[in-house]
N, C-alpha and C. Protein backbone atom coordinates (compact mmCIF):
# COMPACT_ATOMS: atom_id res chain seq x y z
N LEU A 1 -38.55 -27.42 14.65
CA LEU A 1 -37.57 -26.32 14.60
C LEU A 1 -38.05 -25.25 13.62
N PRO A 2 -37.91 -24.00 14.01
CA PRO A 2 -38.32 -22.89 13.12
C PRO A 2 -37.40 -22.82 11.92
N GLU A 3 -37.99 -22.50 10.79
CA GLU A 3 -37.19 -22.40 9.57
C GLU A 3 -36.43 -21.08 9.56
N ILE A 4 -35.14 -21.16 9.31
CA ILE A 4 -34.31 -19.96 9.35
C ILE A 4 -33.92 -19.55 7.94
N HIS A 5 -34.18 -18.29 7.61
CA HIS A 5 -33.81 -17.77 6.29
C HIS A 5 -32.60 -16.86 6.46
N LEU A 6 -31.50 -17.24 5.82
CA LEU A 6 -30.29 -16.45 5.94
C LEU A 6 -30.06 -15.64 4.67
N ASP A 7 -29.64 -14.40 4.86
CA ASP A 7 -29.37 -13.52 3.72
C ASP A 7 -27.99 -13.84 3.15
N PRO A 8 -27.91 -14.23 1.88
CA PRO A 8 -26.62 -14.57 1.26
C PRO A 8 -25.61 -13.45 1.39
N ASP A 9 -26.05 -12.20 1.22
CA ASP A 9 -25.13 -11.06 1.34
C ASP A 9 -24.59 -10.97 2.76
N MET A 10 -25.47 -11.22 3.75
CA MET A 10 -25.06 -11.15 5.14
C MET A 10 -24.05 -12.26 5.44
N LEU A 11 -24.32 -13.45 4.89
CA LEU A 11 -23.41 -14.57 5.11
C LEU A 11 -22.04 -14.27 4.49
N ARG A 12 -22.05 -13.68 3.30
CA ARG A 12 -20.78 -13.40 2.63
C ARG A 12 -20.00 -12.34 3.41
N GLU A 13 -20.70 -11.32 3.89
CA GLU A 13 -20.04 -10.26 4.67
C GLU A 13 -19.47 -10.85 5.96
N HIS A 14 -20.24 -11.74 6.60
CA HIS A 14 -19.78 -12.35 7.85
C HIS A 14 -18.56 -13.22 7.59
N GLU A 15 -18.58 -13.95 6.46
CA GLU A 15 -17.44 -14.80 6.12
C GLU A 15 -16.20 -13.96 5.87
N LEU A 16 -16.37 -12.83 5.19
CA LEU A 16 -15.24 -11.94 4.92
C LEU A 16 -14.67 -11.41 6.23
N GLN A 17 -15.56 -11.10 7.18
CA GLN A 17 -15.10 -10.59 8.48
C GLN A 17 -14.32 -11.66 9.23
N LEU A 18 -14.80 -12.92 9.13
CA LEU A 18 -14.10 -14.01 9.80
C LEU A 18 -12.72 -14.20 9.19
N ILE A 19 -12.63 -14.13 7.86
CA ILE A 19 -11.35 -14.31 7.18
C ILE A 19 -10.40 -13.18 7.56
N GLU A 20 -10.93 -11.95 7.58
CA GLU A 20 -10.07 -10.81 7.93
C GLU A 20 -9.60 -10.91 9.37
N ALA A 21 -10.50 -11.33 10.26
CA ALA A 21 -10.13 -11.48 11.67
C ALA A 21 -9.09 -12.57 11.84
N ALA A 22 -9.20 -13.63 11.04
CA ALA A 22 -8.25 -14.74 11.14
C ALA A 22 -6.88 -14.32 10.60
N SER A 23 -6.88 -13.47 9.58
CA SER A 23 -5.61 -13.06 8.98
C SER A 23 -4.97 -11.92 9.76
N HIS A 24 -5.78 -11.24 10.59
CA HIS A 24 -5.24 -10.16 11.42
C HIS A 24 -5.58 -10.44 12.88
N PRO A 25 -4.71 -11.17 13.57
CA PRO A 25 -4.96 -11.50 14.98
C PRO A 25 -5.10 -10.24 15.82
N LEU A 26 -5.88 -10.35 16.89
CA LEU A 26 -6.07 -9.20 17.77
C LEU A 26 -4.74 -8.84 18.42
N PRO A 27 -4.42 -7.53 18.46
CA PRO A 27 -3.17 -7.09 19.08
C PRO A 27 -3.21 -7.31 20.58
N ASP A 28 -2.04 -7.29 21.20
CA ASP A 28 -1.97 -7.48 22.64
C ASP A 28 -2.58 -6.28 23.36
N ASP A 29 -2.82 -6.44 24.66
CA ASP A 29 -3.41 -5.36 25.43
C ASP A 29 -2.46 -4.17 25.53
N ASP A 30 -1.17 -4.44 25.44
CA ASP A 30 -0.20 -3.35 25.57
C ASP A 30 0.19 -2.79 24.20
N ASP A 31 -0.82 -2.27 23.51
CA ASP A 31 -0.57 -1.72 22.17
C ASP A 31 -0.58 -0.19 22.23
N ASP A 32 0.04 0.34 23.27
CA ASP A 32 0.04 1.80 23.44
C ASP A 32 1.09 2.46 22.55
N ASP A 33 1.99 1.67 21.98
CA ASP A 33 3.08 2.25 21.19
C ASP A 33 2.74 2.26 19.70
N LEU A 34 1.66 2.96 19.37
CA LEU A 34 1.27 3.04 17.96
C LEU A 34 2.03 4.18 17.29
């Protein structure tokens, strides 16, 4: 298996995005009433 080098900053940013996405569920398709 090829050795994979992950960027800590990239991992942290990705984790923050996952947390934000989890705390803010995607709105329904009928979100025309903004």
